Amino acid sequence: MQAADLTVGDLLKEQGERLRLELLSGEKSLARRVPVADLNRPGLALSGFLDRFRAERVQVFGAGEQAYCLKAEAKKLAESLSRMMSSPELPCVIVTHNAAVPPALTQACRKHGVPLLRSAYDTATLTGELSEALEARLSPTTTIHGVLVDVYGLGVLIQGEAGIGKSECALELLKRGHILVADDVVQVQHRRGAYLRGSCPEPLKNHMEVRGLGLIDVKLLFGIGAILDRTRIELSIKLEPWNSQTPPDRTGLEARKITILDVEVPLIRIPVSPGRNLAVLIEVAALNQRLRSQGYFSAETFNKRLIERMRVKERP
């Protein structure tokens, strides 16, 4: 797992144009870190109540905070702002609506070297867009060897040892109308809400490596509808060589899971042998997982009916 490092300067460079941000002061403090994706509206802090003030978050001054600064008693407001901005972990302040910045806020930011930014967007738009951008940049990320495909709207991660047929299986799924997200290297990100989002690293995007054919461009061969930038990973398929000493699961009663970035993902092990249509098996596995996510477990339902039938027959 790699921990992302983001500074206010990086934020301005990467999102400044898109979020219509301008730097008003604090040019020398752009190295301040932005450690979390959450934002803070410092309404209570402006009134002097700084208990549990989340100084580590980007501070957003919307219309409400701006109105309070214009009407509050000057001395009390200056003290509150000074206490807020004195925290060394505070990343920056953003004023929305392209509004005139209250003088007390400008003075406090300059006094403590806090970058002061202004956005032309309204508060709701800015907070929504900025939260998404920060989460995408700061969420824990790792890379996994495998293939990620979208099967019936379900993100399926296919893994297995080298040469077992992962890419060939994905190619067959593509021919059957499903969608490729990533081949060989899958970039996985832990998103808010405890779910995983998979994507393809930029140099490999839209390409597959098939033994005997080499690299192929999926977008050119199958069309724009055959590729997807990202998808939610909801099922993991492990392709394994057929081992007669370890018989495969015949009932599906055993619920296996794999943990990636502290998130558990349902795991299905599929033995590989000549004549097995892996693409069809994965399609059925995806459909069955959709049923499971809706609370219906085929194997358990069948098992309960069987046990009940046996109990009826045993009654005198």
C-alpha atoms as a PDB file:
ATOM      1  CA  MET A   1       0.000   0.000   0.000  1.00  0.00           C
ATOM      2  CA  GLN A   2       1.352   3.402  -0.877  1.00  0.00           C
ATOM      3  CA  ALA A   3       0.496   6.553   1.038  1.00  0.00           C
ATOM      4  CA  ALA A   4      -0.180   9.575  -1.131  1.00  0.00           C
ATOM      5  CA  ASP A   5       1.484  12.874  -0.288  1.00  0.00           C
ATOM      6  CA  LEU A   6      -0.279  16.055  -1.342  1.00  0.00           C
ATOM      7  CA  THR A   7       0.630  19.673  -0.696  1.00  0.00           C
ATOM      8  CA  VAL A   8      -1.388  22.832  -1.216  1.00  0.00           C
ATOM      9  CA  GLY A   9       0.900  23.625  -4.141  1.00  0.00           C
ATOM     10  CA  ASP A  10       0.110  20.245  -5.713  1.00  0.00           C
ATOM     11  CA  LEU A  11      -3.592  20.877  -5.193  1.00  0.00           C
ATOM     12  CA  LEU A  12      -3.371  24.221  -6.971  1.00  0.00           C
ATOM     13  CA  LYS A  13      -1.363  22.740  -9.837  1.00  0.00           C
ATOM     14  CA  GLU A  14      -3.611  19.715 -10.339  1.00  0.00           C
ATOM     15  CA  GLN A  15      -7.052  21.160  -9.585  1.00  0.00           C
ATOM     16  CA  GLY A  16      -6.657  24.929  -9.750  1.00  0.00           C
ATOM     17  CA  GLU A  17      -8.048  25.395 -13.230  1.00  0.00           C
ATOM     18  CA  ARG A  18     -10.816  22.805 -12.899  1.00  0.00           C
ATOM     19  CA  LEU A  19     -12.022  24.185  -9.541  1.00  0.00           C
ATOM     20  CA  ARG A  20     -11.418  27.809 -10.613  1.00  0.00           C
ATOM     21  CA  LEU A  21      -9.066  28.468  -7.723  1.00  0.00           C
ATOM     22  CA  GLU A  22      -6.858  31.521  -7.326  1.00  0.00           C
ATOM     23  CA  LEU A  23      -4.153  32.105  -4.720  1.00  0.00           C
ATOM     24  CA  LEU A  24      -4.637  35.341  -2.809  1.00  0.00           C
ATOM     25  CA  SER A  25      -1.830  35.058  -0.253  1.00  0.00           C
ATOM     26  CA  GLY A  26       0.545  32.538   1.306  1.00  0.00           C
ATOM     27  CA  GLU A  27       2.806  31.855  -1.672  1.00  0.00           C
ATOM     28  CA  LYS A  28       5.632  30.840   0.671  1.00  0.00           C
ATOM     29  CA  SER A  29       3.485  28.264   2.472  1.00  0.00           C
ATOM     30  CA  LEU A  30       2.378  26.105  -0.448  1.00  0.00           C
ATOM     31  CA  ALA A  31       4.406  23.193   0.942  1.00  0.00           C
ATOM     32  CA  ARG A  32       1.801  22.678   3.679  1.00  0.00           C
ATOM     33  CA  ARG A  33       0.429  19.138   3.496  1.00  0.00           C
ATOM     34  CA  VAL A  34      -3.187  18.176   2.782  1.00  0.00           C
ATOM     35  CA  PRO A  35      -3.389  14.925   4.790  1.00  0.00           C
ATOM     36  CA  VAL A  36      -7.094  14.028   4.532  1.00  0.00           C
ATOM     37  CA  ALA A  37      -9.854  14.223   1.928  1.00  0.00           C
ATOM     38  CA  ASP A  38     -12.453  15.632   4.343  1.00  0.00           C
ATOM     39  CA  LEU A  39     -13.302  19.338   4.340  1.00  0.00           C
ATOM     40  CA  ASN A  40     -14.319  21.570   7.254  1.00  0.00           C
ATOM     41  CA  ARG A  41     -16.832  24.412   7.505  1.00  0.00           C
ATOM     42  CA  PRO A  42     -15.539  26.357  10.563  1.00  0.00           C
ATOM     43  CA  GLY A  43     -18.817  27.858  11.703  1.00  0.00           C
ATOM     44  CA  LEU A  44     -18.519  27.111  15.428  1.00  0.00           C
ATOM     45  CA  ALA A  45     -14.794  27.867  15.464  1.00  0.00           C
ATOM     46  CA  LEU A  46     -15.474  31.401  14.232  1.00  0.00           C
ATOM     47  CA  SER A  47     -17.602  32.015  17.306  1.00  0.00           C
ATOM     48  CA  GLY A  48     -14.704  30.996  19.543  1.00  0.00           C
ATOM     49  CA  PHE A  49     -15.650  27.366  20.207  1.00  0.00           C
ATOM     50  CA  LEU A  50     -12.576  25.467  19.036  1.00  0.00           C
ATOM     51  CA  ASP A  51     -13.136  22.193  20.882  1.00  0.00           C
ATOM     52  CA  ARG A  52     -12.650  19.395  18.336  1.00  0.00           C
ATOM     53  CA  PHE A  53     -11.736  21.896  15.630  1.00  0.00           C
ATOM     54  CA  ARG A  54     -10.512  19.838  12.668  1.00  0.00           C
ATOM     55  CA  ALA A  55      -7.454  21.860  11.808  1.00  0.00           C
ATOM     56  CA  GLU A  56      -5.999  19.118   9.578  1.00  0.00           C
ATOM     57  CA  ARG A  57      -8.758  19.637   7.012  1.00  0.00           C
ATOM     58  CA  VAL A  58      -9.024  22.207   4.233  1.00  0.00           C
ATOM     59  CA  GLN A  59     -11.151  25.045   5.651  1.00  0.00           C
ATOM     60  CA  VAL A  60     -13.999  26.204   3.419  1.00  0.00           C
ATOM     61  CA  PHE A  61     -15.558  29.615   4.024  1.00  0.00           C
ATOM     62  CA  GLY A  62     -18.980  29.575   2.407  1.00  0.00           C
ATOM     63  CA  ALA A  63     -21.655  32.259   2.370  1.00  0.00           C
ATOM     64  CA  GLY A  64     -22.567  31.609   6.011  1.00  0.00           C
ATOM     65  CA  GLU A  65     -19.008  31.989   7.301  1.00  0.00           C
ATOM     66  CA  GLN A  66     -18.483  35.076   5.157  1.00  0.00           C
ATOM     67  CA  ALA A  67     -21.640  36.720   6.495  1.00  0.00           C
ATOM     68  CA  TYR A  68     -20.618  35.959  10.093  1.00  0.00           C
ATOM     69  CA  CYS A  69     -17.185  37.535   9.566  1.00  0.00           C
ATOM     70  CA  LEU A  70     -18.793  40.733   8.295  1.00  0.00           C
ATOM     71  CA  LYS A  71     -21.198  41.058  11.246  1.00  0.00           C
ATOM     72  CA  ALA A  72     -19.206  39.644  14.176  1.00  0.00           C
ATOM     73  CA  GLU A  73     -17.538  41.809  16.821  1.00  0.00           C
ATOM     74  CA  ALA A  74     -14.115  42.661  15.350  1.00  0.00           C
ATOM     75  CA  LYS A  75     -11.903  41.844  18.358  1.00  0.00           C
ATOM     76  CA  LYS A  76     -13.552  38.532  19.144  1.00  0.00           C
ATOM     77  CA  LEU A  77     -13.469  37.504  15.480  1.00  0.00           C
ATOM     78  CA  ALA A  78      -9.765  38.392  15.186  1.00  0.00           C
ATOM     79  CA  GLU A  79      -8.973  36.267  18.256  1.00  0.00           C
ATOM     80  CA  SER A  80     -10.933  33.291  16.961  1.00  0.00           C
ATOM     81  CA  LEU A  81      -9.347  33.457  13.513  1.00  0.00           C
ATOM     82  CA  SER A  82      -5.871  33.812  14.994  1.00  0.00           C
ATOM     83  CA  ARG A  83      -6.378  30.722  17.163  1.00  0.00           C
ATOM     84  CA  MET A  84      -7.659  28.787  14.164  1.00  0.00           C
ATOM     85  CA  MET A  85      -4.838  29.771  11.812  1.00  0.00           C
ATOM     86  CA  SER A  86      -2.115  29.230  14.407  1.00  0.00           C
ATOM     87  CA  SER A  87      -2.351  25.475  13.973  1.00  0.00           C
ATOM     88  CA  PRO A  88       0.693  24.316  11.955  1.00  0.00           C
ATOM     89  CA  GLU A  89      -1.272  21.403  10.486  1.00  0.00           C
ATOM     90  CA  LEU A  90      -3.965  23.583   8.884  1.00  0.00           C
ATOM     91  CA  PRO A  91      -3.515  23.181   5.087  1.00  0.00           C
ATOM     92  CA  CYS A  92      -5.277  26.207   3.629  1.00  0.00           C
ATOM     93  CA  VAL A  93      -8.442  28.305   3.517  1.00  0.00           C
ATOM     94  CA  ILE A  94     -10.757  28.529   0.511  1.00  0.00           C
ATOM     95  CA  VAL A  95     -13.378  31.271   0.128  1.00  0.00           C
ATOM     96  CA  THR A  96     -16.233  30.397  -2.234  1.00  0.00           C
ATOM     97  CA  HIS A  97     -18.600  32.364  -4.528  1.00  0.00           C
ATOM     98  CA  ASN A  98     -15.663  34.509  -5.705  1.00  0.00           C
ATOM     99  CA  ALA A  99     -16.604  36.758  -2.794  1.00  0.00           C
ATOM    100  CA  ALA A 100     -14.621  39.590  -1.279  1.00  0.00           C
ATOM    101  CA  VAL A 101     -12.476  38.140   1.524  1.00  0.00           C
ATOM    102  CA  PRO A 102     -13.232  39.518   4.996  1.00  0.00           C
ATOM    103  CA  PRO A 103     -10.259  41.671   6.079  1.00  0.00           C
ATOM    104  CA  ALA A 104      -9.933  39.830   9.402  1.00  0.00           C
ATOM    105  CA  LEU A 105      -9.500  36.524   7.555  1.00  0.00           C
ATOM    106  CA  THR A 106      -6.866  37.972   5.233  1.00  0.00           C
ATOM    107  CA  GLN A 107      -4.907  39.363   8.200  1.00  0.00           C
ATOM    108  CA  ALA A 108      -5.056  36.085  10.141  1.00  0.00           C
ATOM    109  CA  CYS A 109      -3.886  34.045   7.141  1.00  0.00           C
ATOM    110  CA  ARG A 110      -0.984  36.399   6.461  1.00  0.00           C
ATOM    111  CA  LYS A 111       0.009  36.509  10.130  1.00  0.00           C
ATOM    112  CA  HIS A 112       0.296  32.730  10.396  1.00  0.00           C
ATOM    113  CA  GLY A 113       1.404  31.959   6.847  1.00  0.00           C
ATOM    114  CA  VAL A 114      -1.729  30.056   5.825  1.00  0.00           C
ATOM    115  CA  PRO A 115      -2.405  29.894   2.070  1.00  0.00           C
ATOM    116  CA  LEU A 116      -5.605  31.778   1.242  1.00  0.00           C
ATOM    117  CA  LEU A 117      -7.467  30.707  -1.888  1.00  0.00           C
ATOM    118  CA  ARG A 118     -10.685  31.777  -3.573  1.00  0.00           C
ATOM    119  CA  SER A 119     -12.981  29.828  -5.865  1.00  0.00           C
ATOM    120  CA  ALA A 120     -15.531  31.141  -8.311  1.00  0.00           C
ATOM    121  CA  TYR A 121     -17.760  28.136  -7.576  1.00  0.00           C
ATOM    122  CA  ASP A 122     -20.552  28.160  -5.027  1.00  0.00           C
ATOM    123  CA  THR A 123     -19.966  26.232  -1.809  1.00  0.00           C
ATOM    124  CA  ALA A 124     -21.965  23.122  -2.703  1.00  0.00           C
ATOM    125  CA  THR A 125     -20.236  22.682  -6.057  1.00  0.00           C
ATOM    126  CA  LEU A 126     -16.763  23.302  -4.677  1.00  0.00           C
ATOM    127  CA  THR A 127     -17.117  20.953  -1.710  1.00  0.00           C
ATOM    128  CA  GLY A 128     -18.491  18.173  -3.899  1.00  0.00           C
ATOM    129  CA  GLU A 129     -15.829  18.455  -6.577  1.00  0.00           C
ATOM    130  CA  LEU A 130     -12.965  19.046  -4.150  1.00  0.00           C
ATOM    131  CA  SER A 131     -13.931  16.130  -1.886  1.00  0.00           C
ATOM    132  CA  GLU A 132     -13.988  13.771  -4.876  1.00  0.00           C
ATOM    133  CA  ALA A 133     -10.632  15.043  -6.123  1.00  0.00           C
ATOM    134  CA  LEU A 134      -8.985  14.737  -2.708  1.00  0.00           C
ATOM    135  CA  GLU A 135     -10.375  11.259  -2.119  1.00  0.00           C
ATOM    136  CA  ALA A 136      -9.109  10.075  -5.504  1.00  0.00           C
ATOM    137  CA  ARG A 137      -5.676  11.523  -4.712  1.00  0.00           C
ATOM    138  CA  LEU A 138      -5.312  10.499  -1.059  1.00  0.00           C
ATOM    139  CA  SER A 139      -7.054   7.131  -0.768  1.00  0.00           C
ATOM    140  CA  PRO A 140      -4.781   4.113  -0.062  1.00  0.00           C
ATOM    141  CA  THR A 141      -3.680   2.520  -3.331  1.00  0.00           C
ATOM    142  CA  THR A 142      -1.934  -0.687  -4.356  1.00  0.00           C
ATOM    143  CA  THR A 143      -1.233  -2.586  -7.567  1.00  0.00           C
ATOM    144  CA  ILE A 144      -2.204  -6.214  -8.160  1.00  0.00           C
ATOM    145  CA  HIS A 145      -1.191  -8.676 -10.869  1.00  0.00           C
ATOM    146  CA  GLY A 146      -4.321  -9.805 -12.653  1.00  0.00           C
ATOM    147  CA  VAL A 147      -7.091  -8.863 -15.052  1.00  0.00           C
ATOM    148  CA  LEU A 148     -10.102  -6.710 -14.232  1.00  0.00           C
ATOM    149  CA  VAL A 149     -13.265  -7.017 -16.293  1.00  0.00           C
ATOM    150  CA  ASP A 150     -16.792  -5.719 -15.927  1.00  0.00           C
ATOM    151  CA  VAL A 151     -19.194  -8.655 -16.283  1.00  0.00           C
ATOM    152  CA  TYR A 152     -22.901  -7.800 -16.249  1.00  0.00           C
ATOM    153  CA  GLY A 153     -22.065  -4.582 -14.375  1.00  0.00           C
ATOM    154  CA  LEU A 154     -20.002  -6.422 -11.744  1.00  0.00           C
ATOM    155  CA  GLY A 155     -16.268  -5.772 -11.400  1.00  0.00           C
ATOM    156  CA  VAL A 156     -14.501  -9.149 -11.517  1.00  0.00           C
ATOM    157  CA  LEU A 157     -10.806  -9.452 -10.643  1.00  0.00           C
ATOM    158  CA  ILE A 158      -9.235 -12.506 -12.312  1.00  0.00           C
ATOM    159  CA  GLN A 159      -5.997 -13.767 -10.778  1.00  0.00           C
ATOM    160  CA  GLY A 160      -3.779 -16.810 -11.123  1.00  0.00           C
ATOM    161  CA  GLU A 161      -0.230 -17.857 -11.813  1.00  0.00           C
ATOM    162  CA  ALA A 162       1.528 -16.682 -14.976  1.00  0.00           C
ATOM    163  CA  GLY A 163       0.450 -18.495 -18.132  1.00  0.00           C
ATOM    164  CA  ILE A 164      -2.726 -20.012 -16.700  1.00  0.00           C
ATOM    165  CA  GLY A 165      -4.946 -18.137 -19.156  1.00  0.00           C
ATOM    166  CA  LYS A 166      -6.172 -14.950 -17.484  1.00  0.00           C
ATOM    167  CA  SER A 167      -5.832 -12.760 -20.573  1.00  0.00           C
ATOM    168  CA  GLU A 168      -7.280 -15.441 -22.875  1.00  0.00           C
ATOM    169  CA  CYS A 169     -10.266 -15.714 -20.546  1.00  0.00           C
ATOM    170  CA  ALA A 170     -10.697 -11.914 -20.581  1.00  0.00           C
ATOM    171  CA  LEU A 171     -10.467 -11.962 -24.382  1.00  0.00           C
ATOM    172  CA  GLU A 172     -13.305 -14.492 -24.568  1.00  0.00           C
ATOM    173  CA  LEU A 173     -15.360 -12.334 -22.193  1.00  0.00           C
ATOM    174  CA  LEU A 174     -14.763  -9.355 -24.487  1.00  0.00           C
ATOM    175  CA  LYS A 175     -16.065 -11.350 -27.445  1.00  0.00           C
ATOM    176  CA  ARG A 176     -19.159 -12.156 -25.391  1.00  0.00           C
ATOM    177  CA  GLY A 177     -19.898  -8.452 -24.902  1.00  0.00           C
ATOM    178  CA  HIS A 178     -18.287  -7.700 -21.553  1.00  0.00           C
ATOM    179  CA  ILE A 179     -15.886  -4.854 -20.794  1.00  0.00           C
ATOM    180  CA  LEU A 180     -12.153  -4.696 -20.079  1.00  0.00           C
ATOM    181  CA  VAL A 181     -10.818  -2.399 -17.377  1.00  0.00           C
ATOM    182  CA  ALA A 182      -7.219  -3.559 -16.926  1.00  0.00           C
ATOM    183  CA  ASP A 183      -4.940  -6.353 -18.075  1.00  0.00           C
ATOM    184  CA  ASP A 184      -1.839  -7.638 -16.270  1.00  0.00           C
ATOM    185  CA  VAL A 185      -1.618  -4.746 -13.765  1.00  0.00           C
ATOM    186  CA  VAL A 186      -4.656  -3.540 -11.823  1.00  0.00           C
ATOM    187  CA  GLN A 187      -4.487  -0.375  -9.756  1.00  0.00           C
ATOM    188  CA  VAL A 188      -6.724  -0.774  -6.713  1.00  0.00           C
ATOM    189  CA  GLN A 189      -7.894   2.066  -4.491  1.00  0.00           C
ATOM    190  CA  HIS A 190      -9.688   1.886  -1.151  1.00  0.00           C
ATOM    191  CA  ARG A 191     -12.566   4.329  -1.468  1.00  0.00           C
ATOM    192  CA  ARG A 192     -14.797   5.868   1.166  1.00  0.00           C
ATOM    193  CA  GLY A 193     -17.532   3.480   2.173  1.00  0.00           C
ATOM    194  CA  ALA A 194     -15.127   0.512   2.416  1.00  0.00           C
ATOM    195  CA  TYR A 195     -15.173  -0.537  -1.212  1.00  0.00           C
ATOM    196  CA  LEU A 196     -12.436  -1.068  -3.795  1.00  0.00           C
ATOM    197  CA  ARG A 197     -12.194   0.681  -7.135  1.00  0.00           C
ATOM    198  CA  GLY A 198      -9.984  -0.787  -9.815  1.00  0.00           C
ATOM    199  CA  SER A 199      -8.456   0.948 -12.817  1.00  0.00           C
ATOM    200  CA  CYS A 200      -5.614   0.546 -15.286  1.00  0.00           C
ATOM    201  CA  PRO A 201      -2.294   2.418 -15.044  1.00  0.00           C
ATOM    202  CA  GLU A 202      -2.055   4.966 -17.847  1.00  0.00           C
ATOM    203  CA  PRO A 203       0.717   3.333 -19.957  1.00  0.00           C
ATOM    204  CA  LEU A 204      -1.237   0.048 -20.205  1.00  0.00           C
ATOM    205  CA  LYS A 205      -4.727   1.485 -20.689  1.00  0.00           C
ATOM    206  CA  ASN A 206      -6.811  -0.119 -23.485  1.00  0.00           C
ATOM    207  CA  HIS A 207      -4.164  -2.785 -24.168  1.00  0.00           C
ATOM    208  CA  MET A 208      -3.880  -6.530 -23.563  1.00  0.00           C
ATOM    209  CA  GLU A 209      -0.937  -8.899 -23.822  1.00  0.00           C
ATOM    210  CA  VAL A 210      -1.908 -12.304 -25.247  1.00  0.00           C
ATOM    211  CA  ARG A 211       0.688 -15.029 -25.555  1.00  0.00           C
ATOM    212  CA  GLY A 212       1.260 -15.798 -29.220  1.00  0.00           C
ATOM    213  CA  LEU A 213      -0.342 -12.549 -30.387  1.00  0.00           C
ATOM    214  CA  GLY A 214       1.565  -9.989 -28.365  1.00  0.00           C
ATOM    215  CA  LEU A 215       0.057  -6.621 -27.480  1.00  0.00           C
ATOM    216  CA  ILE A 216      -3.359  -5.794 -28.883  1.00  0.00           C
ATOM    217  CA  ASP A 217      -5.320  -2.538 -28.765  1.00  0.00           C
ATOM    218  CA  VAL A 218      -8.745  -3.466 -27.377  1.00  0.00           C
ATOM    219  CA  LYS A 219     -10.257  -0.073 -28.161  1.00  0.00           C
ATOM    220  CA  LEU A 220      -9.381  -0.321 -31.874  1.00  0.00           C
ATOM    221  CA  LEU A 221     -10.290  -3.997 -32.225  1.00  0.00           C
ATOM    222  CA  PHE A 222     -13.549  -4.115 -30.260  1.00  0.00           C
ATOM    223  CA  GLY A 223     -14.642  -0.469 -30.117  1.00  0.00           C
ATOM    224  CA  ILE A 224     -15.061   2.156 -27.423  1.00  0.00           C
ATOM    225  CA  GLY A 225     -17.807   0.122 -25.756  1.00  0.00           C
ATOM    226  CA  ALA A 226     -15.340  -2.633 -24.860  1.00  0.00           C
ATOM    227  CA  ILE A 227     -13.279  -0.570 -22.434  1.00  0.00           C
ATOM    228  CA  LEU A 228     -13.979   1.091 -19.110  1.00  0.00           C
ATOM    229  CA  ASP A 229     -11.787   3.455 -17.118  1.00  0.00           C
ATOM    230  CA  ARG A 230     -12.665   2.029 -13.714  1.00  0.00           C
ATOM    231  CA  THR A 231     -15.080  -0.230 -11.903  1.00  0.00           C
ATOM    232  CA  ARG A 232     -15.956  -1.341  -8.395  1.00  0.00           C
ATOM    233  CA  ILE A 233     -14.287  -4.666  -7.508  1.00  0.00           C
ATOM    234  CA  GLU A 234     -16.998  -6.942  -6.144  1.00  0.00           C
ATOM    235  CA  LEU A 235     -15.733 -10.443  -6.945  1.00  0.00           C
ATOM    236  CA  SER A 236     -12.334 -12.137  -7.126  1.00  0.00           C
ATOM    237  CA  ILE A 237     -11.771 -15.199  -9.318  1.00  0.00           C
ATOM    238  CA  LYS A 238      -8.675 -17.345  -8.701  1.00  0.00           C
ATOM    239  CA  LEU A 239      -7.747 -19.602 -11.623  1.00  0.00           C
ATOM    240  CA  GLU A 240      -5.872 -22.679 -10.385  1.00  0.00           C
ATOM    241  CA  PRO A 241      -4.400 -25.754 -12.082  1.00  0.00           C
ATOM    242  CA  TRP A 242      -6.615 -28.807 -11.668  1.00  0.00           C
ATOM    243  CA  ASN A 243      -5.328 -30.844  -8.722  1.00  0.00           C
ATOM    244  CA  SER A 244      -6.818 -34.296  -8.238  1.00  0.00           C
ATOM    245  CA  GLN A 245      -5.449 -34.380  -4.709  1.00  0.00           C
ATOM    246  CA  THR A 246      -7.484 -31.316  -3.743  1.00  0.00           C
ATOM    247  CA  PRO A 247     -11.005 -31.684  -5.151  1.00  0.00           C
ATOM    248  CA  PRO A 248     -12.784 -28.429  -6.024  1.00  0.00           C
ATOM    249  CA  ASP A 249     -15.755 -27.098  -4.109  1.00  0.00           C
ATOM    250  CA  ARG A 250     -18.872 -28.930  -5.294  1.00  0.00           C
ATOM    251  CA  THR A 251     -21.588 -27.205  -3.261  1.00  0.00           C
ATOM    252  CA  GLY A 252     -20.613 -23.561  -2.903  1.00  0.00           C
ATOM    253  CA  LEU A 253     -21.476 -23.565   0.807  1.00  0.00           C
ATOM    254  CA  GLU A 254     -18.023 -22.443   1.843  1.00  0.00           C
ATOM    255  CA  ALA A 255     -17.783 -18.646   1.631  1.00  0.00           C
ATOM    256  CA  ARG A 256     -14.217 -17.650   0.810  1.00  0.00           C
ATOM    257  CA  LYS A 257     -12.892 -14.111   0.862  1.00  0.00           C
ATOM    258  CA  ILE A 258      -9.721 -12.279  -0.058  1.00  0.00           C
ATOM    259  CA  THR A 259      -8.587  -9.134   1.767  1.00  0.00           C
ATOM    260  CA  ILE A 260      -7.247  -6.215  -0.275  1.00  0.00           C
ATOM    261  CA  LEU A 261      -6.453  -2.913   1.443  1.00  0.00           C
ATOM    262  CA  ASP A 262      -8.421  -4.080   4.515  1.00  0.00           C
ATOM    263  CA  VAL A 263     -11.533  -4.717   2.405  1.00  0.00           C
ATOM    264  CA  GLU A 264     -12.916  -8.247   2.076  1.00  0.00           C
ATOM    265  CA  VAL A 265     -13.905  -9.370  -1.431  1.00  0.00           C
ATOM    266  CA  PRO A 266     -15.768 -12.637  -2.181  1.00  0.00           C
ATOM    267  CA  LEU A 267     -13.373 -15.210  -3.645  1.00  0.00           C
ATOM    268  CA  ILE A 268     -14.151 -18.108  -5.988  1.00  0.00           C
ATOM    269  CA  ARG A 269     -11.498 -20.661  -6.943  1.00  0.00           C
ATOM    270  CA  ILE A 270     -11.982 -22.162 -10.420  1.00  0.00           C
ATOM    271  CA  PRO A 271      -9.869 -25.174 -11.446  1.00  0.00           C
ATOM    272  CA  VAL A 272      -8.474 -24.931 -14.960  1.00  0.00           C
ATOM    273  CA  SER A 273      -8.422 -28.003 -17.193  1.00  0.00           C
ATOM    274  CA  PRO A 274      -8.789 -28.687 -20.952  1.00  0.00           C
ATOM    275  CA  GLY A 275     -12.345 -28.300 -22.187  1.00  0.00           C
ATOM    276  CA  ARG A 276     -13.629 -26.012 -19.448  1.00  0.00           C
ATOM    277  CA  ASN A 277     -15.194 -22.793 -20.733  1.00  0.00           C
ATOM    278  CA  LEU A 278     -13.827 -20.356 -18.172  1.00  0.00           C
ATOM    279  CA  ALA A 279     -15.616 -17.337 -19.657  1.00  0.00           C
ATOM    280  CA  VAL A 280     -19.022 -18.981 -19.185  1.00  0.00           C
ATOM    281  CA  LEU A 281     -18.106 -20.033 -15.644  1.00  0.00           C
ATOM    282  CA  ILE A 282     -17.111 -16.473 -14.776  1.00  0.00           C
ATOM    283  CA  GLU A 283     -20.343 -15.124 -16.263  1.00  0.00           C
ATOM    284  CA  VAL A 284     -22.361 -17.488 -14.069  1.00  0.00           C
ATOM    285  CA  ALA A 285     -20.207 -16.633 -11.044  1.00  0.00           C
ATOM    286  CA  ALA A 286     -20.904 -12.916 -11.599  1.00  0.00           C
ATOM    287  CA  LEU A 287     -24.646 -13.489 -11.910  1.00  0.00           C
ATOM    288  CA  ASN A 288     -24.630 -15.679  -8.796  1.00  0.00           C
ATOM    289  CA  GLN A 289     -22.727 -12.991  -6.889  1.00  0.00           C
ATOM    290  CA  ARG A 290     -25.356 -10.426  -7.861  1.00  0.00           C
ATOM    291  CA  LEU A 291     -27.973 -12.728  -6.324  1.00  0.00           C
ATOM    292  CA  ARG A 292     -25.854 -13.053  -3.186  1.00  0.00           C
ATOM    293  CA  SER A 293     -25.576  -9.278  -2.885  1.00  0.00           C
ATOM    294  CA  GLN A 294     -29.398  -9.202  -2.891  1.00  0.00           C
ATOM    295  CA  GLY A 295     -29.564 -11.751  -0.082  1.00  0.00           C
ATOM    296  CA  TYR A 296     -30.243 -14.935  -2.055  1.00  0.00           C
ATOM    297  CA  PHE A 297     -27.744 -17.792  -1.567  1.00  0.00           C
ATOM    298  CA  SER A 298     -28.505 -20.649  -3.946  1.00  0.00           C
ATOM    299  CA  ALA A 299     -26.361 -23.258  -2.183  1.00  0.00           C
ATOM    300  CA  GLU A 300     -27.654 -22.401   1.272  1.00  0.00           C
ATOM    301  CA  THR A 301     -31.259 -22.366   0.088  1.00  0.00           C
ATOM    302  CA  PHE A 302     -30.836 -25.758  -1.548  1.00  0.00           C
ATOM    303  CA  ASN A 303     -29.101 -27.132   1.570  1.00  0.00           C
ATOM    304  CA  LYS A 304     -31.912 -25.945   3.850  1.00  0.00           C
ATOM    305  CA  ARG A 305     -34.555 -27.508   1.608  1.00  0.00           C
ATOM    306  CA  LEU A 306     -32.628 -30.790   1.527  1.00  0.00           C
ATOM    307  CA  ILE A 307     -32.259 -30.897   5.309  1.00  0.00           C
ATOM    308  CA  GLU A 308     -35.943 -30.125   5.764  1.00  0.00           C
ATOM    309  CA  ARG A 309     -36.866 -32.877   3.309  1.00  0.00           C
ATOM    310  CA  MET A 310     -34.705 -35.358   5.228  1.00  0.00           C
ATOM    311  CA  ARG A 311     -36.346 -34.349   8.498  1.00  0.00           C
ATOM    312  CA  VAL A 312     -39.821 -34.913   7.040  1.00  0.00           C
ATOM    313  CA  LYS A 313     -38.873 -38.395   5.864  1.00  0.00           C
ATOM    314  CA  GLU A 314     -37.426 -39.270   9.312  1.00  0.00           C
ATOM    315  CA  ARG A 315     -40.651 -38.433  11.105  1.00  0.00           C
ATOM    316  CA  PRO A 316     -42.727 -41.512  12.092  1.00  0.00           C
END
